Amino acid sequence: MRSLARSRGFWLSLFLCGFASNVHAQQRVAVERFSGPQGGQIRNLLVQDLEANGFEVVGASEVRDASRETVGHTRLRDDDYPQVAAALRVVAFIDGSVRRARRRWTLRVIVRNAADGMRIGAESWGGRTIASLRAVRRNGFTKLEPHLQIARAPAGTAEAETAHTEAVVVDPNATPWYA
């Protein structure tokens, strides 16, 4: 009897995980290069976690090429993000830095809104060894999810128009809320 209950719970959790991962299947995020020692390895771990949770990740080289084509330089300023985001069809930019100071490692990840280039939020990981930063592979998406949920694509892109029309469509024959 117990194994049946466990198997039902297993299948239910498997279904819910599959559903949760498909919620973000249409969203694309740009993960730029992480600065600092072993920043590339830590970045790759975060990318794996985001992809496992249904996000399509645009690489740093694509961001660099698109920024060179659209704004003429690779170092993005706040005003440049919407133009590059429209070219890449992304909803957010993720940037990070790895630091080591006095026997302590720290990872700081910043999420920017693609619609206006403003910082939405930041999260940090830290510990005594570089292995403690590898926790980003297990909980990177979990910590960044609240910031990624409020990220929006720039106006004029197909993603922004779809989100806007879905919110505006109202049934004229529906009963009003006050009735």
N, C-alpha and C. Protein backbone atom coordinates (compact mmCIF):
# COMPACT_ATOMS: atom_id res chain seq x y z
N MET A 1 0.83 -1.19 0.00
CA MET A 1 0.00 0.00 0.00
C MET A 1 0.87 1.25 0.00
N ARG A 2 1.94 1.20 0.80
CA ARG A 2 2.83 2.36 0.87
C ARG A 2 3.51 2.63 -0.45
N SER A 3 3.93 1.55 -1.14
CA SER A 3 4.62 1.75 -2.41
C SER A 3 3.68 2.36 -3.45
N LEU A 4 2.40 2.02 -3.40
CA LEU A 4 1.43 2.60 -4.31
C LEU A 4 1.27 4.09 -4.05
N ALA A 5 1.19 4.46 -2.77
CA ALA A 5 1.08 5.88 -2.43
C ALA A 5 2.33 6.63 -2.85
N ARG A 6 3.48 6.02 -2.64
CA ARG A 6 4.73 6.66 -3.06
C ARG A 6 4.78 6.82 -4.57
N SER A 7 4.34 5.78 -5.30
CA SER A 7 4.40 5.87 -6.76
C SER A 7 3.42 6.92 -7.28
N ARG A 8 2.24 7.03 -6.66
CA ARG A 8 1.31 8.09 -7.07
C ARG A 8 1.92 9.46 -6.81
N GLY A 9 2.54 9.61 -5.65
CA GLY A 9 3.20 10.88 -5.34
C GLY A 9 4.34 11.17 -6.30
N PHE A 10 5.04 10.12 -6.67
CA PHE A 10 6.15 10.28 -7.62
C PHE A 10 5.62 10.77 -8.96
N TRP A 11 4.58 10.13 -9.47
CA TRP A 11 4.05 10.51 -10.78
C TRP A 11 3.42 11.90 -10.75
N LEU A 12 2.78 12.23 -9.65
CA LEU A 12 2.21 13.56 -9.52
C LEU A 12 3.30 14.62 -9.50
N SER A 13 4.36 14.38 -8.74
CA SER A 13 5.46 15.34 -8.70
C SER A 13 6.16 15.44 -10.04
N LEU A 14 6.29 14.30 -10.74
CA LEU A 14 6.90 14.32 -12.07
C LEU A 14 6.05 15.15 -13.04
N PHE A 15 4.72 14.98 -12.98
CA PHE A 15 3.83 15.76 -13.83
C PHE A 15 3.94 17.25 -13.52
N LEU A 16 3.93 17.59 -12.23
CA LEU A 16 4.01 19.00 -11.84
C LEU A 16 5.35 19.62 -12.23
N CYS A 17 6.42 18.87 -12.12
CA CYS A 17 7.73 19.38 -12.55
C CYS A 17 7.74 19.63 -14.04
N GLY A 18 7.14 18.72 -14.80
CA GLY A 18 7.07 18.92 -16.25
C GLY A 18 6.23 20.12 -16.60
N PHE A 19 5.13 20.32 -15.88
CA PHE A 19 4.28 21.48 -16.12
C PHE A 19 5.01 22.77 -15.77
N ALA A 20 5.69 22.77 -14.63
CA ALA A 20 6.40 23.97 -14.19
C ALA A 20 7.52 24.32 -15.15
N SER A 21 8.19 23.33 -15.73
CA SER A 21 9.28 23.64 -16.64
C SER A 21 8.76 24.18 -17.96
N ASN A 22 7.53 23.81 -18.36
CA ASN A 22 6.98 24.31 -19.61
C ASN A 22 6.40 25.70 -19.50
N VAL A 23 6.23 26.21 -18.28
CA VAL A 23 5.68 27.54 -18.09
C VAL A 23 6.59 28.58 -18.72
N HIS A 24 7.90 28.40 -18.61
CA HIS A 24 8.87 29.36 -19.12
C HIS A 24 9.44 28.95 -20.47
N ALA A 25 8.83 27.97 -21.15
CA ALA A 25 9.41 27.44 -22.37
C ALA A 25 9.54 28.50 -23.46
N GLN A 26 8.68 29.47 -23.48
CA GLN A 26 8.72 30.48 -24.52
C GLN A 26 9.67 31.63 -24.20
N GLN A 27 10.13 31.73 -22.96
CA GLN A 27 10.95 32.86 -22.58
C GLN A 27 12.42 32.60 -22.90
N ARG A 28 13.05 33.65 -23.41
CA ARG A 28 14.48 33.61 -23.70
C ARG A 28 15.17 34.61 -22.79
N VAL A 29 16.30 34.23 -22.23
CA VAL A 29 17.09 35.12 -21.41
C VAL A 29 18.52 35.13 -21.95
N ALA A 30 19.17 36.26 -21.81
CA ALA A 30 20.56 36.39 -22.23
C ALA A 30 21.44 36.33 -20.99
N VAL A 31 22.33 35.36 -20.95
CA VAL A 31 23.27 35.24 -19.84
C VAL A 31 24.63 35.70 -20.35
N GLU A 32 25.05 36.86 -19.87
CA GLU A 32 26.32 37.43 -20.31
C GLU A 32 27.47 36.77 -19.57
N ARG A 33 28.68 37.15 -19.91
CA ARG A 33 29.86 36.58 -19.25
C ARG A 33 29.92 36.99 -17.80
N PHE A 34 30.42 36.07 -16.97
CA PHE A 34 30.63 36.36 -15.56
C PHE A 34 32.09 36.74 -15.38
N SER A 35 32.34 37.81 -14.67
CA SER A 35 33.71 38.25 -14.44
C SER A 35 34.27 37.56 -13.21
N GLY A 36 35.58 37.58 -13.08
CA GLY A 36 36.24 37.04 -11.90
C GLY A 36 36.78 35.65 -12.11
N PRO A 37 37.50 35.15 -11.11
CA PRO A 37 38.10 33.82 -11.22
C PRO A 37 37.05 32.73 -11.28
N GLN A 38 37.19 31.85 -12.26
CA GLN A 38 36.29 30.74 -12.51
C GLN A 38 34.87 31.20 -12.80
N GLY A 39 34.72 32.41 -13.30
CA GLY A 39 33.40 32.93 -13.63
C GLY A 39 32.74 32.15 -14.75
N GLY A 40 33.52 31.67 -15.71
CA GLY A 40 32.97 30.89 -16.81
C GLY A 40 32.33 29.59 -16.36
N GLN A 41 32.98 28.91 -15.43
CA GLN A 41 32.44 27.65 -14.91
C GLN A 41 31.14 27.89 -14.14
N ILE A 42 31.14 28.90 -13.31
CA ILE A 42 29.95 29.20 -12.51
C ILE A 42 28.80 29.64 -13.43
N ARG A 43 29.10 30.41 -14.47
CA ARG A 43 28.10 30.83 -15.45
C ARG A 43 27.48 29.61 -16.11
N ASN A 44 28.30 28.64 -16.51
CA ASN A 44 27.80 27.44 -17.17
C ASN A 44 26.87 26.65 -16.25
N LEU A 45 27.15 26.62 -14.96
CA LEU A 45 26.27 25.93 -14.02
C LEU A 45 24.91 26.62 -13.92
N LEU A 46 24.90 27.95 -13.92
CA LEU A 46 23.64 28.68 -13.90
C LEU A 46 22.86 28.46 -15.19
N VAL A 47 23.55 28.45 -16.31
CA VAL A 47 22.89 28.20 -17.60
C VAL A 47 22.24 26.82 -17.61
N GLN A 48 22.92 25.81 -17.09
CA GLN A 48 22.35 24.46 -17.01
C GLN A 48 21.07 24.46 -16.19
N ASP A 49 21.07 25.18 -15.07
CA ASP A 49 19.89 25.22 -14.22
C ASP A 49 18.74 25.95 -14.90
N LEU A 50 19.02 27.04 -15.58
CA LEU A 50 17.96 27.77 -16.28
C LEU A 50 17.38 26.92 -17.41
N GLU A 51 18.23 26.24 -18.15
CA GLU A 51 17.74 25.40 -19.24
C GLU A 51 16.93 24.21 -18.71
N ALA A 52 17.34 23.67 -17.58
CA ALA A 52 16.59 22.57 -16.97
C ALA A 52 15.21 23.01 -16.52
N ASN A 53 15.03 24.30 -16.27
CA ASN A 53 13.74 24.84 -15.84
C ASN A 53 12.97 25.49 -16.97
N GLY A 54 13.34 25.22 -18.22
CA GLY A 54 12.54 25.60 -19.36
C GLY A 54 12.89 26.91 -20.04
N PHE A 55 13.91 27.60 -19.63
CA PHE A 55 14.30 28.84 -20.29
C PHE A 55 15.20 28.54 -21.48
N GLU A 56 15.08 29.32 -22.52
CA GLU A 56 16.01 29.25 -23.64
C GLU A 56 17.08 30.31 -23.38
N VAL A 57 18.32 29.89 -23.30
CA VAL A 57 19.41 30.80 -22.94
C VAL A 57 20.16 31.24 -24.19
N VAL A 58 20.33 32.55 -24.31
CA VAL A 58 21.11 33.14 -25.40
C VAL A 58 22.51 33.37 -24.85
N GLY A 59 23.51 32.93 -25.59
CA GLY A 59 24.88 33.00 -25.14
C GLY A 59 25.48 34.40 -25.19
N ALA A 60 26.61 34.55 -24.53
CA ALA A 60 27.30 35.84 -24.45
C ALA A 60 27.81 36.29 -25.81
N SER A 61 28.23 35.36 -26.65
CA SER A 61 28.73 35.74 -27.97
C SER A 61 27.61 36.29 -28.85
N GLU A 62 26.41 35.72 -28.73
CA GLU A 62 25.26 36.25 -29.48
C GLU A 62 24.90 37.65 -29.01
N VAL A 63 24.97 37.88 -27.71
CA VAL A 63 24.68 39.21 -27.16
C VAL A 63 25.70 40.21 -27.69
N ARG A 64 26.96 39.82 -27.69
CA ARG A 64 28.02 40.71 -28.17
C ARG A 64 27.84 41.03 -29.65
N ASP A 65 27.52 40.02 -30.47
CA ASP A 65 27.32 40.25 -31.90
C ASP A 65 26.10 41.13 -32.16
N ALA A 66 25.01 40.87 -31.45
CA ALA A 66 23.80 41.68 -31.63
C ALA A 66 24.01 43.12 -31.18
N SER A 67 24.75 43.31 -30.10
CA SER A 67 24.99 44.68 -29.64
C SER A 67 25.91 45.43 -30.61
N ARG A 68 26.85 44.72 -31.21
CA ARG A 68 27.72 45.37 -32.20
C ARG A 68 26.91 45.79 -33.43
N GLU A 69 25.95 44.96 -33.84
CA GLU A 69 25.14 45.27 -35.01
C GLU A 69 24.11 46.37 -34.75
N THR A 70 23.47 46.35 -33.58
CA THR A 70 22.37 47.28 -33.33
C THR A 70 22.82 48.63 -32.79
N VAL A 71 23.76 48.65 -31.84
CA VAL A 71 24.14 49.92 -31.22
C VAL A 71 25.57 50.34 -31.55
N GLY A 72 26.33 49.47 -32.21
CA GLY A 72 27.67 49.85 -32.67
C GLY A 72 28.80 49.59 -31.70
N HIS A 73 28.52 49.08 -30.52
CA HIS A 73 29.58 48.76 -29.56
C HIS A 73 29.15 47.57 -28.71
N THR A 74 30.09 46.95 -28.03
CA THR A 74 29.78 45.75 -27.28
C THR A 74 29.52 46.01 -25.80
N ARG A 75 29.96 47.12 -25.29
CA ARG A 75 29.75 47.47 -23.88
C ARG A 75 28.38 48.13 -23.75
N LEU A 76 27.39 47.41 -23.19
CA LEU A 76 26.02 47.91 -23.16
C LEU A 76 25.80 48.90 -22.02
N ARG A 77 25.09 49.99 -22.36
CA ARG A 77 24.64 50.95 -21.35
C ARG A 77 23.14 50.73 -21.14
N ASP A 78 22.58 51.38 -20.14
CA ASP A 78 21.17 51.17 -19.81
C ASP A 78 20.24 51.44 -21.00
N ASP A 79 20.55 52.44 -21.80
CA ASP A 79 19.70 52.78 -22.94
C ASP A 79 19.81 51.79 -24.09
N ASP A 80 20.87 51.00 -24.12
CA ASP A 80 21.10 50.07 -25.23
C ASP A 80 20.36 48.75 -25.08
N TYR A 81 20.00 48.38 -23.87
CA TYR A 81 19.40 47.07 -23.62
C TYR A 81 18.11 46.82 -24.41
N PRO A 82 17.16 47.76 -24.50
CA PRO A 82 15.93 47.46 -25.26
C PRO A 82 16.18 47.16 -26.74
N GLN A 83 17.12 47.87 -27.35
CA GLN A 83 17.40 47.63 -28.77
C GLN A 83 18.01 46.25 -28.98
N VAL A 84 18.95 45.89 -28.14
CA VAL A 84 19.59 44.58 -28.26
C VAL A 84 18.59 43.48 -27.90
N ALA A 85 17.75 43.71 -26.91
CA ALA A 85 16.75 42.72 -26.51
C ALA A 85 15.74 42.48 -27.63
N ALA A 86 15.37 43.53 -28.35
CA ALA A 86 14.45 43.36 -29.47
C ALA A 86 15.09 42.52 -30.57
N ALA A 87 16.36 42.71 -30.80
CA ALA A 87 17.05 41.93 -31.83
C ALA A 87 17.19 40.46 -31.42
N LEU A 88 17.39 40.21 -30.13
CA LEU A 88 17.58 38.84 -29.64
C LEU A 88 16.29 38.17 -29.19
N ARG A 89 15.20 38.96 -29.04
CA ARG A 89 13.92 38.46 -28.53
C ARG A 89 14.06 37.87 -27.14
N VAL A 90 14.69 38.59 -26.23
CA VAL A 90 14.87 38.14 -24.85
C VAL A 90 14.02 38.99 -23.92
N VAL A 91 13.76 38.46 -22.72
CA VAL A 91 12.99 39.19 -21.71
C VAL A 91 13.87 39.71 -20.59
N ALA A 92 15.08 39.15 -20.46
CA ALA A 92 15.96 39.58 -19.36
C ALA A 92 17.41 39.35 -19.73
N PHE A 93 18.28 40.15 -19.11
CA PHE A 93 19.73 39.99 -19.22
C PHE A 93 20.24 39.61 -17.83
N ILE A 94 21.11 38.60 -17.78
CA ILE A 94 21.68 38.16 -16.51
C ILE A 94 23.19 38.33 -16.59
N ASP A 95 23.74 38.98 -15.58
CA ASP A 95 25.16 39.26 -15.51
C ASP A 95 25.66 38.83 -14.14
N GLY A 96 26.93 38.48 -14.03
CA GLY A 96 27.43 38.04 -12.73
C GLY A 96 28.90 38.33 -12.55
N SER A 97 29.31 38.28 -11.29
CA SER A 97 30.73 38.45 -10.97
C SER A 97 31.10 37.55 -9.81
N VAL A 98 32.29 36.97 -9.91
CA VAL A 98 32.83 36.10 -8.87
C VAL A 98 33.98 36.85 -8.22
N ARG A 99 33.99 36.90 -6.91
CA ARG A 99 35.05 37.60 -6.16
C ARG A 99 35.59 36.69 -5.08
N ARG A 100 36.87 36.91 -4.77
CA ARG A 100 37.48 36.21 -3.66
C ARG A 100 38.19 37.24 -2.80
N ALA A 101 37.83 37.27 -1.54
CA ALA A 101 38.44 38.20 -0.60
C ALA A 101 38.56 37.55 0.77
N ARG A 102 39.76 37.50 1.26
CA ARG A 102 40.02 36.99 2.62
C ARG A 102 39.37 35.64 2.89
N ARG A 103 39.74 34.68 2.13
CA ARG A 103 39.28 33.30 2.34
C ARG A 103 37.76 33.17 2.19
N ARG A 104 37.14 34.00 1.41
CA ARG A 104 35.70 33.92 1.18
C ARG A 104 35.41 34.16 -0.31
N TRP A 105 34.62 33.28 -0.90
CA TRP A 105 34.20 33.40 -2.28
C TRP A 105 32.78 33.97 -2.32
N THR A 106 32.52 34.86 -3.28
CA THR A 106 31.20 35.46 -3.41
C THR A 106 30.81 35.53 -4.89
N LEU A 107 29.58 35.15 -5.17
CA LEU A 107 29.00 35.28 -6.51
C LEU A 107 27.82 36.23 -6.40
N ARG A 108 27.79 37.23 -7.25
CA ARG A 108 26.68 38.18 -7.29
C ARG A 108 26.11 38.15 -8.70
N VAL A 109 24.82 37.87 -8.81
CA VAL A 109 24.13 37.78 -10.09
C VAL A 109 23.09 38.90 -10.16
N ILE A 110 23.11 39.64 -11.27
CA ILE A 110 22.20 40.77 -11.47
C ILE A 110 21.27 40.46 -12.64
N VAL A 111 19.98 40.71 -12.46
CA VAL A 111 18.98 40.50 -13.50
C VAL A 111 18.48 41.87 -13.96
N ARG A 112 18.53 42.09 -15.28
CA ARG A 112 18.06 43.35 -15.87
C ARG A 112 16.83 43.09 -16.74
N ASN A 113 15.90 44.02 -16.69
CA ASN A 113 14.70 43.95 -17.50
C ASN A 113 15.06 44.31 -18.94
N ALA A 114 14.61 43.52 -19.90
CA ALA A 114 14.93 43.78 -21.29
C ALA A 114 14.16 44.98 -21.84
N ALA A 115 13.00 45.28 -21.27
CA ALA A 115 12.17 46.36 -21.79
C ALA A 115 12.80 47.74 -21.59
N ASP A 116 13.52 47.93 -20.48
CA ASP A 116 14.08 49.26 -20.22
C ASP A 116 15.53 49.23 -19.73
N GLY A 117 16.12 48.07 -19.55
CA GLY A 117 17.51 47.99 -19.13
C GLY A 117 17.74 48.24 -17.65
N MET A 118 16.69 48.39 -16.88
CA MET A 118 16.83 48.66 -15.45
C MET A 118 17.06 47.36 -14.68
N ARG A 119 17.77 47.49 -13.57
CA ARG A 119 17.99 46.33 -12.71
C ARG A 119 16.68 45.92 -12.05
N ILE A 120 16.35 44.66 -12.15
CA ILE A 120 15.17 44.14 -11.48
C ILE A 120 15.55 43.67 -10.09
N GLY A 121 16.69 43.01 -10.00
CA GLY A 121 17.11 42.50 -8.71
C GLY A 121 18.46 41.82 -8.80
N ALA A 122 18.96 41.39 -7.67
CA ALA A 122 20.24 40.71 -7.59
C ALA A 122 20.19 39.67 -6.49
N GLU A 123 20.96 38.62 -6.67
CA GLU A 123 21.08 37.56 -5.68
C GLU A 123 22.55 37.24 -5.49
N SER A 124 22.88 36.69 -4.32
CA SER A 124 24.27 36.38 -4.00
C SER A 124 24.39 34.97 -3.44
N TRP A 125 25.53 34.36 -3.72
CA TRP A 125 25.93 33.09 -3.14
C TRP A 125 27.30 33.31 -2.55
N GLY A 126 27.63 32.59 -1.49
CA GLY A 126 28.94 32.76 -0.88
C GLY A 126 29.34 31.58 -0.04
N GLY A 127 30.65 31.52 0.27
CA GLY A 127 31.15 30.46 1.12
C GLY A 127 32.66 30.48 1.20
N ARG A 128 33.22 29.54 1.92
CA ARG A 128 34.66 29.48 2.14
C ARG A 128 35.43 28.91 0.96
N THR A 129 34.76 28.10 0.12
CA THR A 129 35.44 27.49 -1.02
C THR A 129 34.68 27.79 -2.30
N ILE A 130 35.35 27.55 -3.42
CA ILE A 130 34.70 27.76 -4.72
C ILE A 130 33.56 26.75 -4.90
N ALA A 131 33.66 25.61 -4.25
CA ALA A 131 32.60 24.60 -4.34
C ALA A 131 31.28 25.12 -3.79
N SER A 132 31.32 26.04 -2.86
CA SER A 132 30.08 26.59 -2.31
C SER A 132 29.33 27.41 -3.34
N LEU A 133 30.03 27.96 -4.33
CA LEU A 133 29.36 28.71 -5.39
C LEU A 133 28.69 27.80 -6.40
N ARG A 134 29.08 26.54 -6.40
CA ARG A 134 28.48 25.58 -7.34
C ARG A 134 27.03 25.26 -6.96
N ALA A 135 26.57 25.78 -5.84
CA ALA A 135 25.16 25.62 -5.46
C ALA A 135 24.24 26.32 -6.44
N VAL A 136 24.79 27.20 -7.26
CA VAL A 136 23.99 27.89 -8.26
C VAL A 136 23.40 26.89 -9.26
N ARG A 137 24.01 25.74 -9.39
CA ARG A 137 23.48 24.69 -10.27
C ARG A 137 22.21 24.08 -9.69
N ARG A 138 22.08 24.07 -8.37
CA ARG A 138 20.91 23.50 -7.72
C ARG A 138 19.81 24.53 -7.47
N ASN A 139 20.18 25.75 -7.12
CA ASN A 139 19.16 26.71 -6.71
C ASN A 139 19.25 28.06 -7.42
N GLY A 140 19.95 28.11 -8.54
CA GLY A 140 20.05 29.37 -9.28
C GLY A 140 18.71 29.86 -9.78
N PHE A 141 17.96 28.97 -10.41
CA PHE A 141 16.64 29.35 -10.92
C PHE A 141 15.70 29.72 -9.79
N THR A 142 15.76 28.97 -8.71
CA THR A 142 14.86 29.21 -7.58
C THR A 142 15.06 30.60 -7.00
N LYS A 143 16.31 31.03 -6.88
CA LYS A 143 16.58 32.35 -6.32
C LYS A 143 16.29 33.47 -7.32
N LEU A 144 16.47 33.20 -8.61
CA LEU A 144 16.27 34.23 -9.63
C LEU A 144 14.84 34.27 -10.16
N GLU A 145 14.03 33.27 -9.87
CA GLU A 145 12.68 33.20 -10.42
C GLU A 145 11.82 34.42 -10.13
N PRO A 146 11.78 34.97 -8.91
CA PRO A 146 10.95 36.16 -8.69
C PRO A 146 11.34 37.34 -9.59
N HIS A 147 12.61 37.47 -9.88
CA HIS A 147 13.07 38.56 -10.74
C HIS A 147 12.73 38.26 -12.20
N LEU A 148 12.85 37.01 -12.61
CA LEU A 148 12.57 36.65 -13.99
C LEU A 148 11.07 36.70 -14.30
N GLN A 149 10.23 36.52 -13.29
CA GLN A 149 8.79 36.58 -13.52
C GLN A 149 8.32 37.98 -13.87
N ILE A 150 9.00 39.00 -13.38
CA ILE A 150 8.56 40.37 -13.67
C ILE A 150 9.30 40.96 -14.86
N ALA A 151 10.22 40.23 -15.45
CA ALA A 151 10.95 40.72 -16.63
C ALA A 151 10.03 40.74 -17.84
N ARG A 152 10.17 41.76 -18.66
CA ARG A 152 9.33 41.93 -19.84
C ARG A 152 10.18 42.21 -21.07
N ALA A 153 9.67 41.81 -22.22
CA ALA A 153 10.32 42.09 -23.50
C ALA A 153 10.05 43.54 -23.88
N PRO A 154 10.91 44.14 -24.69
CA PRO A 154 10.68 45.53 -25.11
C PRO A 154 9.42 45.67 -25.96
N ALA A 155 8.81 46.83 -25.91
CA ALA A 155 7.61 47.10 -26.69
C ALA A 155 7.93 46.99 -28.18
N GLY A 156 6.98 46.47 -28.93
CA GLY A 156 7.17 46.33 -30.37
C GLY A 156 7.64 44.95 -30.78
N THR A 157 8.06 44.11 -29.85
CA THR A 157 8.46 42.76 -30.19
C THR A 157 7.26 41.84 -30.14
N ALA A 158 7.35 40.70 -30.77
CA ALA A 158 6.24 39.75 -30.81
C ALA A 158 5.89 39.25 -29.41
N GLU A 159 6.90 39.06 -28.56
CA GLU A 159 6.65 38.57 -27.21
C GLU A 159 5.86 39.59 -26.41
N ALA A 160 6.20 40.86 -26.54
CA ALA A 160 5.49 41.91 -25.81
C ALA A 160 4.07 42.07 -26.33
N GLU A 161 3.89 41.99 -27.64
CA GLU A 161 2.55 42.14 -28.22
C GLU A 161 1.65 40.98 -27.80
N THR A 162 2.19 39.76 -27.77
CA THR A 162 1.40 38.60 -27.37
C THR A 162 0.96 38.73 -25.93
N ALA A 163 1.88 39.11 -25.06
CA ALA A 163 1.54 39.27 -23.65
C ALA A 163 0.51 40.37 -23.46
N HIS A 164 0.62 41.45 -24.23
CA HIS A 164 -0.30 42.57 -24.10
C HIS A 164 -1.69 42.19 -24.60
N THR A 165 -1.78 41.52 -25.73
CA THR A 165 -3.10 41.18 -26.26
C THR A 165 -3.79 40.15 -25.40
N GLU A 166 -3.04 39.24 -24.78
CA GLU A 166 -3.67 38.26 -23.90
C GLU A 166 -4.26 38.95 -22.68
N ALA A 167 -3.67 40.00 -22.22
CA ALA A 167 -4.16 40.70 -21.03
C ALA A 167 -5.34 41.61 -21.37
N VAL A 168 -5.45 42.07 -22.62
CA VAL A 168 -6.46 43.05 -22.99
C VAL A 168 -7.75 42.39 -23.46
N VAL A 169 -7.71 41.19 -24.01
CA VAL A 169 -8.89 40.55 -24.56
C VAL A 169 -9.91 40.29 -23.45
N VAL A 170 -11.13 40.85 -23.65
CA VAL A 170 -12.20 40.70 -22.66
C VAL A 170 -13.46 40.28 -23.41
N ASP A 171 -14.19 39.35 -22.83
CA ASP A 171 -15.42 38.88 -23.43
C ASP A 171 -16.51 39.93 -23.16
N PRO A 172 -17.10 40.54 -24.22
CA PRO A 172 -18.12 41.57 -24.01
C PRO A 172 -19.43 41.00 -23.45
N ASN A 173 -19.68 39.71 -23.60
CA ASN A 173 -20.90 39.11 -23.10
C ASN A 173 -20.76 38.55 -21.69
N ALA A 174 -19.58 38.70 -21.11
CA ALA A 174 -19.35 38.17 -19.76
C ALA A 174 -20.10 38.99 -18.72
N THR A 175 -20.48 38.33 -17.65
CA THR A 175 -21.16 39.02 -16.56
C THR A 175 -20.15 39.90 -15.83
N PRO A 176 -20.47 41.17 -15.58
CA PRO A 176 -19.53 42.04 -14.88
C PRO A 176 -19.27 41.53 -13.47
N TRP A 177 -18.15 41.89 -12.93
CA TRP A 177 -17.73 41.41 -11.62
C TRP A 177 -18.67 41.86 -10.51
N TYR A 178 -19.36 42.99 -10.70
CA TYR A 178 -20.22 43.54 -9.65
C TYR A 178 -21.62 42.98 -9.67
N ALA A 179 -21.95 42.16 -10.70
CA ALA A 179 -23.31 41.63 -10.80
C ALA A 179 -23.52 40.43 -9.90
